[in-house]
Amino acid sequence: MATHTIKTIWRKDNIFDTDVDGHTITIDLGKEDGGEDAGPRPKKLLLVAAAGCSGLDVVPLLKKMRVELKGFDIQIEAQMSEEHPKQYTSMKVIYEFEGDNLPMEKLEKAVTLSYEKYCGVMAMYKKAIPISWEIRIKS
């Protein structure tokens, strides 16, 4: 079994730095909450992890299926609870593809494989909240 380890260091005020595989991620609060806006809020990094994990599945799957993309974006809309601890209560993942004559069945297959089989981040989130997804093709 693999173990992932990170270390987060308090820099000052509400600013923390985390080393992840030699890359520094800085988190902070927004100015409206007393921070300096030196980095993103930690909760939104959960959404980054979901989008990145799924995207890293979908692109190689489509390459194997010989689907050529001109562009690919993932947008996540997550609903948050009003009361503390504020947490995501649902998530919608929108896959936006751009290309010529993109075969919808292959796009759906790649997204389904990521969602149901490969993306470990989505697998964890599905245990906690409802997640839906949608495919859009940009023209």
N, C-alpha and C. Protein backbone atom coordinates (compact mmCIF):
# COMPACT_ATOMS: atom_id res chain seq x y z
N MET A 1 0.85 -1.18 0.00
CA MET A 1 0.00 0.00 0.00
C MET A 1 0.89 1.24 0.00
N ALA A 2 0.61 2.18 -0.87
CA ALA A 2 1.38 3.43 -0.96
C ALA A 2 0.91 4.42 0.10
N THR A 3 1.81 5.24 0.53
CA THR A 3 1.50 6.30 1.47
C THR A 3 1.91 7.63 0.86
N HIS A 4 1.02 8.60 0.87
CA HIS A 4 1.35 9.96 0.43
C HIS A 4 1.54 10.80 1.68
N THR A 5 2.59 11.62 1.68
CA THR A 5 2.88 12.49 2.82
C THR A 5 3.13 13.90 2.32
N ILE A 6 2.56 14.87 2.99
CA ILE A 6 2.83 16.28 2.72
C ILE A 6 3.15 16.95 4.04
N LYS A 7 3.75 18.12 3.96
CA LYS A 7 4.01 18.90 5.16
C LYS A 7 3.57 20.33 4.88
N THR A 8 2.75 20.87 5.77
CA THR A 8 2.26 22.24 5.66
C THR A 8 2.88 23.07 6.76
N ILE A 9 3.43 24.21 6.37
CA ILE A 9 4.15 25.08 7.30
C ILE A 9 3.46 26.44 7.38
N TRP A 10 3.21 26.87 8.59
CA TRP A 10 2.63 28.19 8.81
C TRP A 10 3.69 29.23 8.53
N ARG A 11 3.41 30.15 7.60
CA ARG A 11 4.37 31.20 7.27
C ARG A 11 4.15 32.42 8.16
N LYS A 12 2.92 32.97 8.15
CA LYS A 12 2.54 34.11 8.99
C LYS A 12 1.05 34.34 8.86
N ASP A 13 0.48 35.03 9.79
CA ASP A 13 -0.94 35.36 9.77
C ASP A 13 -1.77 34.12 9.40
N ASN A 14 -2.47 34.17 8.26
CA ASN A 14 -3.28 33.03 7.82
C ASN A 14 -2.66 32.33 6.60
N ILE A 15 -1.37 32.51 6.39
CA ILE A 15 -0.72 31.97 5.21
C ILE A 15 0.06 30.70 5.56
N PHE A 16 -0.21 29.65 4.79
CA PHE A 16 0.46 28.37 4.95
C PHE A 16 1.06 27.95 3.61
N ASP A 17 2.22 27.32 3.65
CA ASP A 17 2.85 26.75 2.46
C ASP A 17 2.92 25.25 2.62
N THR A 18 2.61 24.55 1.54
CA THR A 18 2.68 23.10 1.54
C THR A 18 3.57 22.65 0.39
N ASP A 19 4.50 21.77 0.70
CA ASP A 19 5.33 21.18 -0.35
C ASP A 19 4.65 19.91 -0.84
N VAL A 20 4.36 19.88 -2.14
CA VAL A 20 3.76 18.70 -2.76
C VAL A 20 4.67 18.30 -3.91
N ASP A 21 5.41 17.23 -3.70
CA ASP A 21 6.31 16.72 -4.75
C ASP A 21 7.25 17.79 -5.29
N GLY A 22 7.76 18.64 -4.42
CA GLY A 22 8.69 19.68 -4.84
C GLY A 22 8.04 20.95 -5.35
N HIS A 23 6.71 21.02 -5.30
CA HIS A 23 5.97 22.21 -5.73
C HIS A 23 5.32 22.83 -4.50
N THR A 24 5.48 24.13 -4.35
CA THR A 24 4.91 24.81 -3.20
C THR A 24 3.52 25.32 -3.53
N ILE A 25 2.57 24.97 -2.68
CA ILE A 25 1.21 25.49 -2.78
C ILE A 25 0.98 26.36 -1.55
N THR A 26 0.62 27.60 -1.79
CA THR A 26 0.34 28.54 -0.71
C THR A 26 -1.17 28.67 -0.56
N ILE A 27 -1.66 28.58 0.67
CA ILE A 27 -3.07 28.80 0.93
C ILE A 27 -3.22 29.97 1.89
N ASP A 28 -4.33 30.66 1.78
CA ASP A 28 -4.58 31.84 2.59
C ASP A 28 -6.08 32.10 2.58
N LEU A 29 -6.49 33.02 3.40
CA LEU A 29 -7.86 33.52 3.38
C LEU A 29 -7.94 34.71 2.44
N GLY A 30 -9.15 35.00 1.97
CA GLY A 30 -9.36 36.20 1.17
C GLY A 30 -9.30 37.44 2.06
N LYS A 31 -9.10 38.57 1.44
CA LYS A 31 -9.02 39.83 2.20
C LYS A 31 -10.31 40.09 2.98
N GLU A 32 -11.45 39.65 2.41
CA GLU A 32 -12.74 39.86 3.08
C GLU A 32 -12.86 39.05 4.37
N ASP A 33 -11.99 38.04 4.52
CA ASP A 33 -12.00 37.21 5.73
C ASP A 33 -10.77 37.43 6.60
N GLY A 34 -10.03 38.51 6.35
CA GLY A 34 -8.87 38.84 7.16
C GLY A 34 -7.54 38.29 6.66
N GLY A 35 -7.54 37.72 5.49
CA GLY A 35 -6.30 37.21 4.92
C GLY A 35 -5.65 38.22 3.99
N GLU A 36 -4.58 37.79 3.34
CA GLU A 36 -3.88 38.66 2.39
C GLU A 36 -4.11 38.21 0.95
N ASP A 37 -4.89 37.17 0.75
CA ASP A 37 -5.16 36.61 -0.57
C ASP A 37 -3.85 36.18 -1.25
N ALA A 38 -2.96 35.55 -0.47
CA ALA A 38 -1.67 35.10 -0.98
C ALA A 38 -1.76 33.77 -1.72
N GLY A 39 -2.92 33.15 -1.67
CA GLY A 39 -3.12 31.87 -2.34
C GLY A 39 -4.57 31.48 -2.27
N PRO A 40 -4.93 30.38 -2.91
CA PRO A 40 -6.33 29.94 -2.90
C PRO A 40 -6.76 29.45 -1.52
N ARG A 41 -8.08 29.33 -1.34
CA ARG A 41 -8.64 28.78 -0.12
C ARG A 41 -8.55 27.25 -0.21
N PRO A 42 -8.34 26.59 0.91
CA PRO A 42 -8.15 25.14 0.88
C PRO A 42 -9.34 24.36 0.34
N LYS A 43 -10.55 24.82 0.62
CA LYS A 43 -11.72 24.07 0.18
C LYS A 43 -11.79 23.99 -1.35
N LYS A 44 -11.45 25.08 -2.02
CA LYS A 44 -11.49 25.06 -3.48
C LYS A 44 -10.41 24.14 -4.07
N LEU A 45 -9.36 23.88 -3.31
CA LEU A 45 -8.35 22.94 -3.79
C LEU A 45 -8.92 21.52 -3.90
N LEU A 46 -9.97 21.24 -3.14
CA LEU A 46 -10.67 19.96 -3.29
C LEU A 46 -11.26 19.84 -4.69
N LEU A 47 -11.77 20.95 -5.20
CA LEU A 47 -12.35 20.95 -6.55
C LEU A 47 -11.25 20.83 -7.60
N VAL A 48 -10.11 21.49 -7.34
CA VAL A 48 -8.96 21.38 -8.24
C VAL A 48 -8.52 19.92 -8.34
N ALA A 49 -8.47 19.24 -7.21
CA ALA A 49 -8.05 17.84 -7.19
C ALA A 49 -9.01 16.97 -8.01
N ALA A 50 -10.29 17.21 -7.89
CA ALA A 50 -11.28 16.43 -8.64
C ALA A 50 -11.14 16.66 -10.14
N ALA A 51 -11.04 17.92 -10.54
CA ALA A 51 -10.91 18.25 -11.96
C ALA A 51 -9.61 17.70 -12.53
N GLY A 52 -8.53 17.89 -11.81
CA GLY A 52 -7.23 17.41 -12.29
C GLY A 52 -7.17 15.91 -12.40
N CYS A 53 -7.68 15.23 -11.40
CA CYS A 53 -7.69 13.76 -11.39
C CYS A 53 -8.47 13.22 -12.58
N SER A 54 -9.65 13.73 -12.80
CA SER A 54 -10.48 13.24 -13.90
C SER A 54 -9.88 13.63 -15.25
N GLY A 55 -9.38 14.84 -15.36
CA GLY A 55 -8.77 15.28 -16.61
C GLY A 55 -7.57 14.42 -16.99
N LEU A 56 -6.78 14.03 -15.98
CA LEU A 56 -5.62 13.19 -16.24
C LEU A 56 -6.01 11.77 -16.65
N ASP A 57 -7.26 11.40 -16.44
CA ASP A 57 -7.79 10.14 -16.96
C ASP A 57 -8.33 10.32 -18.38
N VAL A 58 -9.13 11.36 -18.56
CA VAL A 58 -9.88 11.54 -19.81
C VAL A 58 -8.96 11.77 -21.00
N VAL A 59 -7.95 12.61 -20.87
CA VAL A 59 -7.08 12.92 -22.01
C VAL A 59 -6.37 11.67 -22.54
N PRO A 60 -5.68 10.88 -21.70
CA PRO A 60 -5.04 9.69 -22.27
C PRO A 60 -6.03 8.65 -22.81
N LEU A 61 -7.21 8.55 -22.19
CA LEU A 61 -8.22 7.63 -22.70
C LEU A 61 -8.66 8.04 -24.11
N LEU A 62 -8.88 9.33 -24.31
CA LEU A 62 -9.29 9.80 -25.64
C LEU A 62 -8.17 9.64 -26.65
N LYS A 63 -6.92 9.83 -26.22
CA LYS A 63 -5.79 9.60 -27.13
C LYS A 63 -5.76 8.15 -27.59
N LYS A 64 -5.99 7.22 -26.67
CA LYS A 64 -6.04 5.80 -27.03
C LYS A 64 -7.18 5.51 -28.00
N MET A 65 -8.26 6.28 -27.89
CA MET A 65 -9.41 6.10 -28.77
C MET A 65 -9.25 6.89 -30.08
N ARG A 66 -8.10 7.52 -30.25
CA ARG A 66 -7.77 8.32 -31.44
C ARG A 66 -8.72 9.51 -31.64
N VAL A 67 -9.08 10.13 -30.53
CA VAL A 67 -9.89 11.35 -30.58
C VAL A 67 -8.95 12.53 -30.41
N GLU A 68 -8.95 13.43 -31.40
CA GLU A 68 -8.08 14.60 -31.35
C GLU A 68 -8.86 15.80 -30.80
N LEU A 69 -8.34 16.33 -29.72
CA LEU A 69 -8.96 17.49 -29.08
C LEU A 69 -8.22 18.76 -29.46
N LYS A 70 -8.97 19.82 -29.66
CA LYS A 70 -8.37 21.15 -29.84
C LYS A 70 -8.37 21.90 -28.51
N GLY A 71 -9.29 21.51 -27.63
CA GLY A 71 -9.39 22.13 -26.32
C GLY A 71 -10.19 21.25 -25.39
N PHE A 72 -9.93 21.41 -24.12
CA PHE A 72 -10.63 20.61 -23.11
C PHE A 72 -10.58 21.37 -21.79
N ASP A 73 -11.74 21.65 -21.24
CA ASP A 73 -11.85 22.34 -19.96
C ASP A 73 -12.76 21.54 -19.04
N ILE A 74 -12.49 21.63 -17.76
CA ILE A 74 -13.37 21.02 -16.76
C ILE A 74 -13.78 22.12 -15.79
N GLN A 75 -15.08 22.26 -15.66
CA GLN A 75 -15.63 23.24 -14.72
C GLN A 75 -16.38 22.46 -13.65
N ILE A 76 -16.22 22.86 -12.41
CA ILE A 76 -16.97 22.20 -11.33
C ILE A 76 -17.80 23.24 -10.60
N GLU A 77 -19.07 22.92 -10.46
CA GLU A 77 -19.99 23.74 -9.67
C GLU A 77 -20.33 22.94 -8.42
N ALA A 78 -19.93 23.43 -7.27
CA ALA A 78 -20.16 22.71 -6.02
C ALA A 78 -21.03 23.56 -5.09
N GLN A 79 -22.09 22.96 -4.59
CA GLN A 79 -22.96 23.63 -3.64
C GLN A 79 -22.39 23.46 -2.24
N MET A 80 -22.48 24.53 -1.44
CA MET A 80 -21.90 24.49 -0.10
C MET A 80 -22.98 24.73 0.94
N SER A 81 -22.82 24.07 2.07
CA SER A 81 -23.77 24.23 3.16
C SER A 81 -23.69 25.65 3.73
N GLU A 82 -24.79 26.09 4.33
CA GLU A 82 -24.84 27.43 4.93
C GLU A 82 -24.23 27.42 6.33
N GLU A 83 -24.37 26.30 7.04
CA GLU A 83 -23.94 26.23 8.43
C GLU A 83 -22.55 25.60 8.54
N HIS A 84 -21.92 25.85 9.67
CA HIS A 84 -20.59 25.30 9.94
C HIS A 84 -20.69 23.87 10.43
N PRO A 85 -19.78 23.01 10.12
CA PRO A 85 -18.66 23.28 9.24
C PRO A 85 -19.13 23.37 7.79
N LYS A 86 -18.80 24.48 7.11
CA LYS A 86 -19.23 24.66 5.73
C LYS A 86 -18.52 23.63 4.87
N GLN A 87 -19.34 22.89 4.13
CA GLN A 87 -18.79 21.81 3.31
C GLN A 87 -19.60 21.68 2.04
N TYR A 88 -19.01 21.03 1.06
CA TYR A 88 -19.73 20.80 -0.19
C TYR A 88 -20.81 19.75 0.03
N THR A 89 -21.98 20.05 -0.51
CA THR A 89 -23.12 19.13 -0.36
C THR A 89 -23.47 18.43 -1.67
N SER A 90 -23.00 18.95 -2.78
CA SER A 90 -23.17 18.31 -4.08
C SER A 90 -22.18 18.93 -5.05
N MET A 91 -21.95 18.20 -6.15
CA MET A 91 -20.97 18.66 -7.12
C MET A 91 -21.46 18.29 -8.52
N LYS A 92 -21.30 19.23 -9.45
CA LYS A 92 -21.58 18.97 -10.86
C LYS A 92 -20.29 19.23 -11.63
N VAL A 93 -19.85 18.23 -12.39
CA VAL A 93 -18.63 18.33 -13.17
C VAL A 93 -19.03 18.50 -14.63
N ILE A 94 -18.55 19.58 -15.23
CA ILE A 94 -18.89 19.89 -16.63
C ILE A 94 -17.62 19.74 -17.46
N TYR A 95 -17.66 18.79 -18.38
CA TYR A 95 -16.53 18.53 -19.29
C TYR A 95 -16.83 19.26 -20.60
N GLU A 96 -15.97 20.21 -20.95
CA GLU A 96 -16.17 20.98 -22.17
C GLU A 96 -15.06 20.63 -23.17
N PHE A 97 -15.47 20.02 -24.28
CA PHE A 97 -14.53 19.57 -25.30
C PHE A 97 -14.62 20.47 -26.52
N GLU A 98 -13.49 20.63 -27.20
CA GLU A 98 -13.45 21.38 -28.44
C GLU A 98 -12.66 20.57 -29.46
N GLY A 99 -13.21 20.46 -30.66
CA GLY A 99 -12.55 19.73 -31.72
C GLY A 99 -13.48 19.56 -32.91
N ASP A 100 -12.95 18.95 -33.96
CA ASP A 100 -13.73 18.72 -35.17
C ASP A 100 -14.39 17.36 -35.12
N ASN A 101 -15.70 17.32 -35.35
CA ASN A 101 -16.46 16.08 -35.43
C ASN A 101 -16.16 15.13 -34.26
N LEU A 102 -16.26 15.64 -33.05
CA LEU A 102 -15.97 14.82 -31.88
C LEU A 102 -17.06 13.76 -31.70
N PRO A 103 -16.68 12.49 -31.55
CA PRO A 103 -17.66 11.42 -31.36
C PRO A 103 -18.16 11.38 -29.92
N MET A 104 -19.42 11.74 -29.72
CA MET A 104 -20.01 11.81 -28.39
C MET A 104 -19.87 10.49 -27.64
N GLU A 105 -20.02 9.36 -28.33
CA GLU A 105 -19.94 8.07 -27.64
C GLU A 105 -18.55 7.84 -27.03
N LYS A 106 -17.51 8.30 -27.69
CA LYS A 106 -16.16 8.15 -27.14
C LYS A 106 -15.91 9.13 -25.99
N LEU A 107 -16.45 10.33 -26.11
CA LEU A 107 -16.33 11.30 -25.01
C LEU A 107 -17.03 10.74 -23.78
N GLU A 108 -18.24 10.23 -23.97
CA GLU A 108 -18.99 9.66 -22.84
C GLU A 108 -18.27 8.46 -22.23
N LYS A 109 -17.68 7.63 -23.07
CA LYS A 109 -16.97 6.46 -22.56
C LYS A 109 -15.77 6.88 -21.71
N ALA A 110 -15.00 7.85 -22.18
CA ALA A 110 -13.82 8.31 -21.43
C ALA A 110 -14.23 8.93 -20.10
N VAL A 111 -15.26 9.76 -20.11
CA VAL A 111 -15.72 10.41 -18.88
C VAL A 111 -16.28 9.36 -17.92
N THR A 112 -17.06 8.42 -18.43
CA THR A 112 -17.63 7.37 -17.59
C THR A 112 -16.53 6.52 -16.95
N LEU A 113 -15.51 6.15 -17.73
CA LEU A 113 -14.41 5.36 -17.17
C LEU A 113 -13.69 6.12 -16.06
N SER A 114 -13.46 7.41 -16.29
CA SER A 114 -12.82 8.22 -15.25
C SER A 114 -13.68 8.25 -14.00
N TYR A 115 -14.96 8.55 -14.18
CA TYR A 115 -15.90 8.71 -13.07
C TYR A 115 -16.14 7.41 -12.31
N GLU A 116 -16.26 6.30 -13.03
CA GLU A 116 -16.64 5.05 -12.39
C GLU A 116 -15.47 4.14 -12.02
N LYS A 117 -14.31 4.30 -12.69
CA LYS A 117 -13.25 3.32 -12.50
C LYS A 117 -11.90 3.90 -12.06
N TYR A 118 -11.47 4.99 -12.67
CA TYR A 118 -10.08 5.40 -12.50
C TYR A 118 -9.81 6.54 -11.51
N CYS A 119 -10.67 7.53 -11.43
CA CYS A 119 -10.36 8.73 -10.64
C CYS A 119 -10.60 8.47 -9.14
N GLY A 120 -9.51 8.33 -8.40
CA GLY A 120 -9.60 8.09 -6.97
C GLY A 120 -10.19 9.25 -6.19
N VAL A 121 -9.98 10.46 -6.67
CA VAL A 121 -10.55 11.63 -5.99
C VAL A 121 -12.07 11.59 -6.10
N MET A 122 -12.57 11.33 -7.30
CA MET A 122 -14.03 11.25 -7.48
C MET A 122 -14.60 10.09 -6.66
N ALA A 123 -13.86 8.99 -6.58
CA ALA A 123 -14.34 7.83 -5.81
C ALA A 123 -14.55 8.22 -4.34
N MET A 124 -13.63 9.02 -3.79
CA MET A 124 -13.80 9.46 -2.40
C MET A 124 -14.98 10.40 -2.26
N TYR A 125 -15.11 11.35 -3.19
CA TYR A 125 -16.20 12.32 -3.11
C TYR A 125 -17.56 11.65 -3.26
N LYS A 126 -17.65 10.63 -4.14
CA LYS A 126 -18.93 9.94 -4.35
C LYS A 126 -19.43 9.28 -3.08
N LYS A 127 -18.53 8.94 -2.17
CA LYS A 127 -18.94 8.35 -0.90
C LYS A 127 -19.57 9.39 0.02
N ALA A 128 -19.28 10.66 -0.22
CA ALA A 128 -19.72 11.71 0.69
C ALA A 128 -20.86 12.57 0.16
N ILE A 129 -20.87 12.83 -1.15
CA ILE A 129 -21.87 13.74 -1.71
C ILE A 129 -22.32 13.25 -3.08
N PRO A 130 -23.51 13.70 -3.51
CA PRO A 130 -23.93 13.36 -4.87
C PRO A 130 -23.12 14.14 -5.89
N ILE A 131 -22.71 13.44 -6.95
CA ILE A 131 -21.95 14.07 -8.02
C ILE A 131 -22.64 13.75 -9.34
N SER A 132 -22.83 14.77 -10.15
CA SER A 132 -23.35 14.58 -11.49
C SER A 132 -22.33 15.12 -12.48
N TRP A 133 -22.46 14.72 -13.73
CA TRP A 133 -21.56 15.26 -14.74
C TRP A 133 -22.30 15.48 -16.05
N GLU A 134 -21.70 16.32 -16.88
CA GLU A 134 -22.31 16.70 -18.15
C GLU A 134 -21.18 16.92 -19.14
N ILE A 135 -21.45 16.58 -20.39
CA ILE A 135 -20.48 16.83 -21.47
C ILE A 135 -21.04 17.93 -22.36
N ARG A 136 -20.18 18.90 -22.66
CA ARG A 136 -20.54 19.96 -23.59
C ARG A 136 -19.47 19.99 -24.69
N ILE A 137 -19.91 20.24 -25.91
CA ILE A 137 -18.98 20.39 -27.01
C ILE A 137 -19.04 21.84 -27.46
N LYS A 138 -17.87 22.49 -27.42
CA LYS A 138 -17.79 23.89 -27.86
C LYS A 138 -17.69 23.89 -29.37
N SER A 139 -18.38 24.84 -29.98
CA SER A 139 -18.30 24.93 -31.44
C SER A 139 -17.45 26.11 -31.85
